[in-house]
Protein backbone atom coordinates (compact mmCIF):
# COMPACT_ATOMS: atom_id res chain seq x y z
CA MET A 1 0.00 0.00 0.00
CA ALA A 2 1.06 3.63 -0.51
CA GLU A 3 1.84 4.30 3.17
CA ALA A 4 4.69 1.77 3.11
CA GLN A 5 6.37 3.14 -0.02
CA GLY A 6 7.80 6.48 1.10
CA GLN A 7 8.20 9.57 -1.07
CA THR A 8 9.73 9.29 -4.53
CA PRO A 9 11.46 12.17 -6.35
CA PHE A 10 9.48 13.55 -9.27
CA GLY A 11 10.66 12.86 -12.78
CA HIS A 12 11.60 9.54 -14.33
CA ALA A 13 12.01 7.92 -10.90
CA MET A 14 8.22 8.16 -10.57
CA ARG A 15 7.74 5.97 -13.64
CA SER A 16 8.51 2.93 -11.45
CA HIS A 17 5.11 3.43 -9.83
CA PHE A 18 3.25 3.37 -13.15
CA GLN A 19 2.74 0.81 -15.90
CA PHE A 20 4.18 2.55 -18.97
CA ASP A 21 6.00 0.75 -21.74
CA PRO A 22 9.66 1.66 -21.06
CA SER A 23 10.02 3.10 -24.57
CA PHE A 24 6.89 5.29 -24.40
CA THR A 25 7.17 9.06 -23.84
CA PRO A 26 3.86 10.12 -22.26
CA LEU A 27 3.03 13.83 -22.62
CA ASN A 28 -0.74 13.54 -22.79
CA HIS A 29 -1.85 12.79 -19.25
CA GLY A 30 -4.75 15.20 -19.81
CA SER A 31 -6.74 12.95 -22.14
CA PHE A 32 -7.06 9.65 -20.29
CA GLY A 33 -4.82 9.90 -17.23
CA THR A 34 -3.22 6.83 -15.68
CA TYR A 35 -2.87 5.35 -12.22
CA PRO A 36 -0.13 3.86 -10.01
CA LYS A 37 0.48 0.18 -9.41
CA SER A 38 -0.75 0.43 -5.82
CA VAL A 39 -4.07 1.77 -7.11
CA LYS A 40 -4.16 -1.05 -9.66
CA ASP A 41 -3.79 -3.52 -6.78
CA CYS A 42 -6.67 -1.79 -5.00
CA LEU A 43 -8.80 -2.07 -8.14
CA ARG A 44 -8.03 -5.76 -8.51
CA HIS A 45 -8.86 -6.29 -4.83
CA PHE A 46 -12.39 -4.99 -5.25
CA GLN A 47 -12.86 -6.78 -8.55
CA ASP A 48 -11.83 -10.04 -6.89
CA LEU A 49 -14.24 -9.40 -4.01
CA SER A 50 -17.08 -8.89 -6.45
CA GLU A 51 -16.32 -12.24 -8.10
CA LYS A 52 -16.00 -14.28 -4.90
CA GLN A 53 -19.59 -13.55 -3.85
CA PRO A 54 -21.32 -11.33 -6.43
CA ASP A 55 -24.63 -11.20 -4.54
CA ALA A 56 -23.08 -10.28 -1.23
CA PHE A 57 -20.87 -7.69 -2.90
CA PHE A 58 -23.51 -5.87 -4.96
CA ARG A 59 -26.54 -6.30 -2.70
CA TYR A 60 -25.07 -5.68 0.74
CA ASP A 61 -21.42 -4.60 0.76
CA LEU A 62 -21.10 -2.17 -2.13
CA ALA A 63 -23.12 0.60 -0.49
CA GLY A 64 -20.64 0.75 2.38
CA TYR A 65 -17.63 0.81 0.09
CA ILE A 66 -19.20 3.61 -1.97
CA GLU A 67 -19.93 5.52 1.22
CA ASP A 68 -16.28 5.29 2.28
CA ALA A 69 -15.08 6.51 -1.13
CA ARG A 70 -17.55 9.41 -1.18
CA GLY A 71 -16.39 10.39 2.27
CA ALA A 72 -12.77 10.43 1.11
CA ILE A 73 -13.40 12.67 -1.91
CA ALA A 74 -15.72 14.97 0.05
CA GLN A 75 -13.04 15.49 2.68
CA PHE A 76 -10.46 16.02 -0.07
CA LEU A 77 -12.64 18.71 -1.69
CA LYS A 78 -13.80 20.16 1.66
CA VAL A 79 -17.49 19.82 0.83
CA ASP A 80 -20.50 18.04 2.34
CA VAL A 81 -20.42 14.31 1.63
CA ASP A 82 -24.15 14.36 0.88
CA GLU A 83 -23.46 16.71 -2.03
CA CYS A 84 -21.09 14.29 -3.79
CA VAL A 85 -21.91 11.21 -5.86
CA PHE A 86 -19.96 9.21 -8.44
CA VAL A 87 -20.59 9.06 -12.18
CA PRO A 88 -18.40 7.39 -14.84
CA ASN A 89 -17.10 10.61 -16.43
CA ALA A 90 -17.63 14.35 -16.71
CA THR A 91 -19.72 14.00 -19.87
CA THR A 92 -22.23 11.88 -17.93
CA GLY A 93 -22.48 14.57 -15.26
CA VAL A 94 -23.10 17.31 -17.82
CA ASN A 95 -25.74 15.14 -19.49
CA THR A 96 -27.40 14.44 -16.16
CA VAL A 97 -27.89 18.15 -15.48
CA LEU A 98 -29.02 19.15 -18.96
CA ARG A 99 -31.45 16.22 -19.25
CA SER A 100 -32.87 16.92 -15.77
CA LEU A 101 -33.67 20.60 -16.16
CA VAL A 102 -37.18 21.37 -17.41
CA PHE A 103 -36.86 23.96 -20.17
CA GLN A 104 -39.50 26.42 -21.30
CA GLU A 105 -39.93 28.60 -24.37
CA LYS A 106 -37.33 31.40 -24.48
CA ASP A 107 -34.95 29.48 -22.18
CA VAL A 108 -31.36 29.43 -23.45
CA ILE A 109 -28.29 27.28 -22.74
CA VAL A 110 -25.15 29.45 -22.94
CA TYR A 111 -21.74 27.96 -23.65
CA PHE A 112 -18.33 28.85 -25.10
CA SER A 113 -17.06 27.94 -28.55
CA THR A 114 -14.19 26.04 -26.86
CA VAL A 115 -16.56 23.69 -25.01
CA TYR A 116 -15.64 19.99 -25.06
CA GLY A 117 -17.02 18.44 -28.25
CA ALA A 118 -19.20 15.79 -26.57
CA CYS A 119 -20.78 18.47 -24.39
CA GLU A 120 -21.56 20.68 -27.37
CA LYS A 121 -23.29 17.74 -29.02
CA THR A 122 -25.26 17.19 -25.83
CA VAL A 123 -26.38 20.83 -25.93
CA GLU A 124 -27.44 20.41 -29.55
CA TYR A 125 -29.40 17.26 -28.68
CA ILE A 126 -31.22 19.04 -25.86
CA LYS A 127 -32.04 21.82 -28.32
CA GLU A 128 -33.50 19.26 -30.74
CA THR A 129 -35.69 17.59 -28.13
CA THR A 130 -36.87 20.43 -25.85
CA PRO A 131 -38.09 24.04 -26.28
CA VAL A 132 -34.68 25.43 -25.26
CA ASP A 133 -32.46 27.52 -27.53
CA THR A 134 -28.66 27.87 -27.41
CA ALA A 135 -26.23 30.77 -27.46
CA LYS A 136 -22.53 30.37 -28.10
CA VAL A 137 -19.91 32.79 -26.78
CA ALA A 138 -17.33 32.82 -29.57
CA ILE A 139 -13.73 33.22 -28.39
CA THR A 140 -10.32 32.62 -29.90
CA TYR A 141 -7.25 32.02 -27.79
CA PRO A 142 -5.06 33.59 -26.66
CA ILE A 143 -7.49 35.97 -24.94
CA ASP A 144 -7.19 37.93 -21.70
CA ASP A 145 -9.38 36.75 -18.85
CA ASN A 146 -11.06 40.14 -18.49
CA LYS A 147 -12.11 40.07 -22.15
CA LEU A 148 -13.47 36.53 -21.87
CA VAL A 149 -15.41 37.42 -18.73
CA ALA A 150 -16.78 40.58 -20.40
CA ALA A 151 -17.88 38.61 -23.48
CA PHE A 152 -19.75 36.17 -21.23
CA ARG A 153 -21.49 38.91 -19.26
CA ASP A 154 -22.40 40.75 -22.46
CA LYS A 155 -23.96 37.59 -23.91
CA LEU A 156 -26.15 37.07 -20.84
CA ARG A 157 -27.31 40.68 -20.86
CA GLN A 158 -27.93 40.63 -24.60
CA LEU A 159 -30.22 37.63 -24.19
CA LYS A 160 -32.11 39.43 -21.45
CA LYS A 161 -32.65 42.46 -23.72
CA GLU A 162 -34.03 40.12 -26.38
CA GLY A 163 -36.63 38.86 -23.92
CA LYS A 164 -34.91 35.49 -23.46
CA ARG A 165 -33.79 33.79 -20.28
CA ALA A 166 -30.32 32.31 -19.94
CA ARG A 167 -31.32 29.28 -17.89
CA VAL A 168 -27.96 27.56 -17.53
CA ALA A 169 -24.39 28.34 -18.56
CA LEU A 170 -21.85 25.61 -19.30
CA PHE A 171 -18.12 26.32 -18.99
CA ASP A 172 -14.80 24.69 -18.07
CA THR A 173 -12.31 24.96 -15.23
CA VAL A 174 -9.51 24.07 -17.65
CA SER A 175 -10.56 23.71 -21.27
CA SER A 176 -9.54 20.72 -23.35
CA LEU A 177 -8.34 22.21 -26.65
CA PRO A 178 -6.71 24.61 -26.15
CA GLY A 179 -5.61 23.29 -22.77
CA ILE A 180 -5.77 26.48 -20.72
CA LYS A 181 -7.08 27.62 -17.34
CA VAL A 182 -10.46 29.35 -17.55
CA PRO A 183 -11.50 32.07 -15.03
CA TRP A 184 -14.37 29.80 -14.06
CA ASP A 185 -14.77 31.22 -10.56
CA GLN A 186 -15.44 34.66 -12.04
CA LEU A 187 -17.98 33.16 -14.44
CA VAL A 188 -19.78 31.50 -11.52
CA GLU A 189 -20.06 34.90 -9.81
CA ILE A 190 -21.54 36.44 -12.95
CA CYS A 191 -24.08 33.62 -13.10
CA LYS A 192 -25.11 34.39 -9.52
CA ASP A 193 -25.47 38.10 -10.33
CA GLU A 194 -27.53 37.40 -13.45
CA GLY A 195 -29.72 34.63 -12.02
CA VAL A 196 -28.28 31.90 -14.27
CA LEU A 197 -27.50 28.35 -13.19
CA SER A 198 -23.78 27.54 -13.48
CA LEU A 199 -22.82 24.11 -14.82
CA VAL A 200 -19.06 23.68 -14.49
CA ASP A 201 -17.33 21.03 -16.59
CA GLY A 202 -14.33 20.40 -14.38
CA ALA A 203 -13.07 17.45 -16.42
CA HIS A 204 -9.55 18.81 -15.83
CA GLY A 205 -10.30 19.98 -12.30
CA VAL A 206 -9.71 17.69 -9.32
CA GLY A 207 -6.01 16.99 -8.84
CA HIS A 208 -5.08 19.64 -11.39
CA ILE A 209 -5.89 23.08 -9.95
CA ASP A 210 -6.95 24.46 -6.57
CA LEU A 211 -10.74 24.47 -6.85
CA ARG A 212 -12.01 25.95 -3.57
CA LEU A 213 -15.48 24.56 -4.26
CA GLU A 214 -16.67 25.44 -0.77
CA LYS A 215 -15.97 29.12 -1.52
CA VAL A 216 -16.92 29.37 -5.22
CA GLN A 217 -20.17 27.38 -4.79
CA PRO A 218 -21.18 26.60 -8.39
CA ASP A 219 -24.70 25.29 -8.95
CA PHE A 220 -23.44 22.05 -10.55
CA PHE A 221 -19.89 20.76 -10.85
CA VAL A 222 -18.48 17.56 -12.31
CA SER A 223 -14.85 16.50 -12.51
CA ASN A 224 -13.09 13.41 -13.75
CA LEU A 225 -10.96 11.71 -11.13
CA HIS A 226 -9.36 9.36 -13.65
CA LYS A 227 -7.50 12.22 -15.36
CA TRP A 228 -5.47 14.03 -12.71
CA LEU A 229 -6.19 12.24 -9.40
CA TYR A 230 -4.67 8.85 -10.38
CA VAL A 231 -7.97 6.96 -10.17
CA PRO A 232 -8.75 4.18 -12.70
CA ARG A 233 -11.09 4.91 -15.61
CA GLY A 234 -13.87 5.80 -15.51
CA CYS A 235 -14.58 7.76 -12.39
CA ALA A 236 -15.86 11.28 -11.85
CA ILE A 237 -17.31 13.21 -8.93
CA PHE A 238 -20.65 14.93 -9.43
CA TYR A 239 -21.14 17.76 -6.94
CA VAL A 240 -24.61 19.24 -6.46
CA PRO A 241 -25.23 21.55 -3.49
CA LYS A 242 -28.33 20.65 -1.49
CA ARG A 243 -30.05 23.81 -2.67
CA ASN A 244 -30.15 22.37 -6.21
CA GLN A 245 -30.62 18.65 -5.63
CA HIS A 246 -34.37 18.93 -6.22
CA LEU A 247 -33.53 19.85 -9.83
CA ILE A 248 -31.85 16.48 -10.44
CA ARG A 249 -34.75 14.07 -10.71
CA SER A 250 -32.84 11.04 -12.01
CA SER A 251 -29.46 9.50 -12.55
CA LEU A 252 -28.43 8.71 -16.12
CA PRO A 253 -29.67 6.14 -16.88
CA THR A 254 -32.61 6.05 -14.50
CA SER A 255 -32.19 3.13 -12.11
CA HIS A 256 -33.44 1.61 -8.87
CA GLY A 257 -32.79 4.71 -6.76
CA TYR A 258 -35.27 6.86 -8.68
CA GLU A 259 -38.29 8.00 -6.66
CA PRO A 260 -41.21 9.22 -8.81
CA PHE A 261 -43.48 11.95 -7.50
CA PRO A 262 -46.20 10.26 -5.40
CA MET A 263 -49.53 9.83 -7.13
CA GLU A 264 -52.80 8.94 -5.47
CA GLY A 265 -53.31 5.21 -5.39
CA GLN A 266 -49.80 4.39 -6.65
CA GLN A 267 -47.73 2.01 -4.57
CA LYS A 268 -44.12 2.98 -3.86
CA LEU A 269 -41.74 1.24 -6.23
CA PHE A 270 -39.46 -1.37 -4.67
CA ASN A 271 -35.71 -0.79 -4.63
CA PRO A 272 -33.88 -4.16 -4.43
CA ILE A 273 -30.49 -2.53 -3.80
CA PRO A 274 -31.15 0.47 -1.55
CA GLY A 275 -28.45 3.01 -0.77
CA ARG A 276 -27.64 4.52 2.60
CA GLY A 277 -28.25 8.20 1.99
CA SER A 278 -30.65 10.89 0.88
CA ARG A 279 -32.88 10.67 -2.19
CA PHE A 280 -30.17 12.37 -4.26
CA VAL A 281 -27.37 10.13 -3.00
CA ASN A 282 -29.41 6.94 -3.37
CA MET A 283 -30.20 7.68 -7.01
CA PHE A 284 -26.52 7.25 -7.85
CA ALA A 285 -25.73 4.41 -5.45
CA PHE A 286 -26.48 1.65 -7.97
CA VAL A 287 -26.96 2.71 -11.60
CA GLY A 288 -27.17 -0.68 -13.26
CA THR A 289 -24.69 -3.53 -12.95
CA ALA A 290 -21.20 -2.25 -13.78
CA ASP A 291 -17.62 -2.47 -12.58
CA VAL A 292 -17.55 0.34 -10.02
CA GLY A 293 -14.11 -0.69 -8.78
CA PRO A 294 -12.64 2.65 -9.94
CA TYR A 295 -14.92 4.56 -7.54
CA LEU A 296 -13.70 2.44 -4.64
CA CYS A 297 -10.04 3.27 -5.41
CA VAL A 298 -10.41 6.96 -4.57
CA PRO A 299 -9.09 6.62 -0.97
CA GLU A 300 -6.02 4.69 -2.19
CA ALA A 301 -5.29 7.27 -4.90
CA ILE A 302 -5.49 10.13 -2.41
CA GLU A 303 -3.21 8.22 -0.03
CA PHE A 304 -0.66 7.61 -2.79
CA ARG A 305 -0.60 11.30 -3.66
CA GLN A 306 -0.02 12.22 -0.04
CA GLU A 307 2.45 9.53 1.02
CA VAL A 308 4.42 8.93 -2.18
CA CYS A 309 4.11 12.32 -3.90
CA GLY A 310 4.13 14.60 -0.87
CA GLY A 311 0.68 16.15 -1.22
CA GLU A 312 -1.40 18.21 -3.60
CA ALA A 313 0.56 21.48 -3.43
CA LYS A 314 3.80 19.73 -4.31
CA ILE A 315 2.18 17.79 -7.18
CA MET A 316 0.50 20.82 -8.70
CA GLU A 317 3.63 22.96 -8.44
CA TYR A 318 5.79 20.40 -10.22
CA CYS A 319 3.26 19.59 -12.91
CA LYS A 320 2.65 23.27 -13.69
CA ASP A 321 6.35 24.16 -13.68
CA ILE A 322 7.45 21.23 -15.85
CA SER A 323 4.60 21.94 -18.26
CA ASN A 324 5.57 25.60 -18.56
CA GLU A 325 9.29 24.95 -18.89
CA GLY A 326 8.71 22.09 -21.28
CA GLY A 327 6.46 24.27 -23.41
CA LYS A 328 9.16 26.92 -23.68
CA ARG A 329 11.67 24.24 -24.67
CA VAL A 330 9.40 22.90 -27.41
CA ALA A 331 8.67 26.41 -28.70
CA LYS A 332 12.40 27.14 -28.91
CA ILE A 333 13.11 23.96 -30.87
CA LEU A 334 10.21 24.61 -33.24
CA GLY A 335 10.97 28.33 -33.55
CA THR A 336 7.44 29.28 -32.49
CA GLU A 337 5.68 30.45 -29.32
CA VAL A 338 3.69 29.34 -26.29
CA MET A 339 0.00 30.28 -26.16
CA GLU A 340 -0.31 32.91 -23.44
CA ASN A 341 -2.21 36.13 -22.72
CA ALA A 342 -1.06 39.47 -21.35
CA GLU A 343 -2.22 38.51 -17.85
CA ARG A 344 -0.20 35.28 -18.06
CA THR A 345 -3.11 33.25 -16.69
CA LEU A 346 -3.59 30.68 -19.46
CA THR A 347 -0.65 28.59 -18.27
CA GLU A 348 -1.67 28.60 -14.59
CA CYS A 349 -2.32 24.89 -14.92
CA CYS A 350 -0.55 21.68 -15.91
CA LEU A 351 -1.15 22.05 -19.65
CA THR A 352 0.81 24.15 -22.17
CA ASN A 353 0.03 24.86 -25.80
CA VAL A 354 2.78 25.48 -28.37
CA LYS A 355 2.28 26.75 -31.90
CA LEU A 356 3.43 24.44 -34.70
CA PRO A 357 5.43 25.81 -37.67
CA LEU A 358 2.64 25.25 -40.18
CA HIS A 359 0.85 27.95 -42.16
CA LEU A 360 -2.35 28.34 -44.12
CA GLY A 361 -2.38 29.77 -47.60
CA GLU A 362 -1.55 29.01 -51.22
CA GLY A 363 1.78 27.98 -52.64
CA SER A 364 4.78 25.97 -51.58
CA GLY A 365 4.93 24.90 -47.95
CA LYS A 366 1.43 26.22 -47.14
CA MET A 367 -1.84 24.45 -46.54
CA LYS A 368 -5.48 24.97 -47.38
CA GLU A 369 -7.68 25.31 -44.31
CA ALA A 370 -9.85 22.48 -45.64
CA ASP A 371 -6.85 20.16 -45.16
CA ALA A 372 -6.08 21.27 -41.60
CA PHE A 373 -7.88 18.47 -39.82
CA ALA A 374 -6.39 15.84 -42.11
CA ALA A 375 -2.96 17.19 -41.18
CA VAL A 376 -3.46 17.07 -37.41
CA GLY A 377 -5.08 13.64 -37.65
CA TRP A 378 -2.13 12.24 -39.60
CA MET A 379 0.37 13.83 -37.21
CA ALA A 380 -1.42 12.47 -34.14
CA GLU A 381 -1.46 8.89 -35.37
CA THR A 382 2.12 9.09 -36.62
CA LEU A 383 3.31 10.35 -33.24
CA ILE A 384 1.98 7.33 -31.39
CA ARG A 385 2.23 4.61 -34.04
CA LYS A 386 5.67 5.41 -35.40
CA HIS A 387 7.49 7.31 -32.65
CA ASN A 388 5.89 6.01 -29.40
CA VAL A 389 5.33 9.52 -28.07
CA PHE A 390 2.11 11.44 -27.80
CA ALA A 391 0.85 14.98 -27.34
CA PRO A 392 -2.29 15.99 -29.26
CA PRO A 393 -1.84 18.40 -32.20
CA TYR A 394 -4.89 20.49 -33.08
CA PHE A 395 -6.11 23.44 -35.14
CA HIS A 396 -7.46 26.59 -33.46
CA GLY A 397 -7.91 30.18 -34.51
CA GLY A 398 -6.27 29.74 -37.89
CA SER A 399 -3.11 28.19 -36.43
CA PHE A 400 -1.76 24.76 -35.58
CA TRP A 401 -0.88 23.90 -31.98
CA VAL A 402 0.15 21.00 -29.78
CA ARG A 403 -1.03 20.50 -26.19
CA LEU A 404 1.54 19.23 -23.68
CA SER A 405 0.78 17.76 -20.25
CA GLY A 406 3.00 18.13 -17.23
CA GLN A 407 2.99 15.25 -14.75
CA THR A 408 5.03 13.91 -11.86
CA TYR A 409 6.67 11.23 -14.03
CA VAL A 410 8.00 13.47 -16.84
CA GLU A 411 11.26 15.41 -17.16
CA ILE A 412 12.34 18.25 -19.42
CA GLU A 413 14.11 15.82 -21.76
CA ASP A 414 10.75 14.28 -22.65
CA PHE A 415 9.72 17.56 -24.21
CA ASP A 416 12.88 17.52 -26.34
CA VAL A 417 11.81 14.13 -27.69
CA VAL A 418 8.37 15.29 -28.79
CA ALA A 419 9.68 18.59 -30.16
CA LYS A 420 12.15 16.89 -32.50
CA VAL A 421 9.51 14.48 -33.77
CA LEU A 422 7.00 17.30 -34.28
CA LYS A 423 9.53 19.35 -36.22
CA ASN A 424 10.09 16.45 -38.60
CA LEU A 425 6.36 15.81 -38.99
CA CYS A 426 5.66 19.46 -39.75
CA GLU A 427 8.27 19.36 -42.50
CA ARG A 428 6.57 16.28 -43.94
CA VAL A 429 3.15 17.96 -43.78
CA GLU A 430 4.57 20.94 -45.69
CA LYS A 431 5.47 18.50 -48.45
CA GLY A 432 1.90 17.20 -48.48
CA GLU A 433 2.60 13.69 -47.17
CA HIS A 434 -0.59 13.72 -45.09
CA LEU A 435 -2.67 14.03 -48.27
CA GLN A 436 -1.10 11.16 -50.16
CA GLN A 437 -3.38 8.19 -50.66
CA ASN A 438 -2.58 5.55 -48.04
CA ALA A 439 -0.14 8.03 -46.52
CA LYS A 440 2.66 6.22 -44.72
CA LEU A 441 3.03 6.92 -41.05
């Protein structure tokens, strides 16, 4: 267990705790995360328990294990345990909120153009199936925080002038692509001032930045734990303050914990696997038969981070610093720049974005915008398939970028590796290799 291991220096020495292929250079912790061997042992422990006596495990024991894990994450986040439940991922949490709210004519869902793709599609689905409309706040990075905040406030007030009601606003703590810190706490305050529900997609939240949930008090918050907290996939925490729990009528999918509004003459529906908490907590206690082992590993992951890594402040400082320094190193090798604003707030997280030396236009060495996504797709697959290194390239605001993740197990030399590969791939893209039929990786 973690308590017997002692602290390990950050950098390549930390790789001994993880399960990476020795030849793999991992610079994309932000997409899928990973977890230590001690957490893997914890996962296997609970999976083995569930197989020894499945009925005892799922019917009688699981509720207690879930309760322990919820208690651990609630204490970690400094919030009420009865305001925290587990869901498989952040996308499920966002869906749960948007599919629970009852929308009326002239209601609007507000979101940013940099929203996570699956969440934007969820918004569009809700628009198709309910009376709600949508309003997108268009932004291009790099942008100063004060300008982003002003654009958000202006959008809410514009809708009000048009006789519409911004019912809920969806935004990130740290956005995915580009991977930058969002002034989400300021956006929550604006929502409070304007009477709008705040739905915070904190997919890159817990274990990544200091959240201060107890102070910021968003209306709804969901964060993956399998990205930055070293918990197995998939596991996310869904935080709903008690003041808003009446708005969440069901888990997704609806399961045994659902309690319909009482109707005269209707008998209460039987719950064969009851939870141990409130109506809200019980709805999420058993959402269909599934491997919930990842949820139960939360205490072990927190213990590993404290005992082996030295605590959250130390982890966040190293991951942010190595990401920033690595980004500068990559930019120097590529002859480009790091994405940053005048306030220098975009890189106040463990992700850094570096411009790639590729250009749109006509003529030699330039690319048509219509071919941009083919280029980044070819580069991404070539990185992992041919060179055993990965950091996601992407296209944003008319330019090509790569997102780099800092983590306790990487060193500055890892950024040199990806930079040299990216430089070569950009040269190959300039020659049009990504457009050749059956293009070789």
